[in-house]
Amino acid sequence: MTLLKMKIGNTAVVKKFNSAKHIASRMSDLGFHAGKRIRLLRTGLFHGPLLVEDMECGAKIIISREIASCIEVEREEIK
């Protein structure tokens, strides 16, 4: 599934980027890469951007819906 389809509060692991190389490179520069554990904190009103938390360091990043639709994630099951 894509990051765009996640529900608020869910955690997931980034699997891959289905986008242009420059977008994947920019996300990697921000520390957002395959294998990264993330949590969706909030979505913007009126189809605004998504606020995502890096579960390792607590950093937060705002991602546009266009880019979020290109990020494949695998949801983590609560144990």
Protein backbone atom coordinates (compact mmCIF):
# COMPACT_ATOMS: atom_id res chain seq x y z
CA MET A 1 0.00 0.00 0.00
CA THR A 2 1.09 3.61 -0.32
CA LEU A 3 1.74 6.12 2.43
CA LEU A 4 -1.29 8.04 1.20
CA LYS A 5 -3.58 5.11 2.13
CA MET A 6 -2.34 4.81 5.73
CA LYS A 7 -4.60 5.72 8.63
CA ILE A 8 -3.59 8.30 11.23
CA GLY A 9 -1.66 6.71 14.11
CA ASN A 10 -0.57 3.63 12.16
CA THR A 11 3.08 2.68 11.85
CA ALA A 12 4.74 1.20 8.79
CA VAL A 13 8.07 0.42 7.17
CA VAL A 14 9.04 2.18 3.94
CA LYS A 15 9.54 -0.40 1.18
CA LYS A 16 10.33 1.60 -1.98
CA PHE A 17 9.72 4.76 -3.99
CA ASN A 18 7.67 4.59 -7.18
CA SER A 19 8.75 7.99 -8.42
CA ALA A 20 11.32 9.94 -10.36
CA LYS A 21 14.90 9.48 -9.23
CA HIS A 22 15.21 13.09 -8.03
CA ILE A 23 12.27 12.64 -5.61
CA ALA A 24 13.71 9.43 -4.15
CA SER A 25 17.08 11.18 -3.83
CA ARG A 26 15.52 14.17 -2.05
CA MET A 27 13.62 11.91 0.36
CA SER A 28 16.83 10.00 1.06
CA ASP A 29 18.58 13.31 1.82
CA LEU A 30 15.87 13.89 4.44
CA GLY A 31 16.59 10.46 5.98
CA PHE A 32 13.49 8.90 4.46
CA HIS A 33 14.60 5.64 2.81
CA ALA A 34 13.68 1.97 2.42
CA GLY A 35 13.60 0.22 5.79
CA LYS A 36 12.68 3.38 7.73
CA ARG A 37 9.97 2.92 10.40
CA ILE A 38 7.42 5.73 10.28
CA ARG A 39 4.12 6.77 11.84
CA LEU A 40 1.45 8.91 10.21
CA LEU A 41 0.63 11.70 12.65
CA ARG A 42 -1.74 13.94 10.72
CA THR A 43 -3.21 14.78 7.34
CA GLY A 44 -3.85 18.33 6.20
CA LEU A 45 -7.36 19.67 5.74
CA PHE A 46 -8.84 19.77 2.25
CA HIS A 47 -6.40 17.15 0.92
CA GLY A 48 -3.35 18.90 2.35
CA PRO A 49 0.06 17.35 3.08
CA LEU A 50 0.81 14.53 5.53
CA LEU A 51 2.82 14.86 8.74
CA VAL A 52 4.99 11.77 9.26
CA GLU A 53 7.24 10.88 12.21
CA ASP A 54 10.54 9.00 11.95
CA MET A 55 10.17 6.33 14.66
CA GLU A 56 13.95 6.05 15.19
CA CYS A 57 14.80 9.65 16.02
CA GLY A 58 11.42 11.35 16.40
CA ALA A 59 11.98 13.77 13.52
CA LYS A 60 8.84 14.96 11.74
CA ILE A 61 8.52 15.61 8.03
CA ILE A 62 5.70 17.05 5.95
CA ILE A 63 5.11 15.19 2.68
CA SER A 64 2.87 16.28 -0.17
CA ARG A 65 0.07 13.94 -1.20
CA GLU A 66 1.65 13.59 -4.64
CA ILE A 67 4.89 12.25 -3.15
CA ALA A 68 3.05 10.16 -0.50
CA SER A 69 1.20 8.37 -3.29
CA CYS A 70 4.59 7.21 -4.65
CA ILE A 71 5.93 5.78 -1.37
CA GLU A 72 5.23 2.07 -0.88
CA VAL A 73 4.93 1.03 2.77
CA GLU A 74 4.19 -2.14 4.68
CA ARG A 75 1.99 -1.66 7.73
CA GLU A 76 3.32 -2.97 11.02
CA GLU A 77 0.97 -5.14 13.02
CA ILE A 78 0.54 -4.30 16.71
CA LYS A 79 1.84 -7.14 18.88
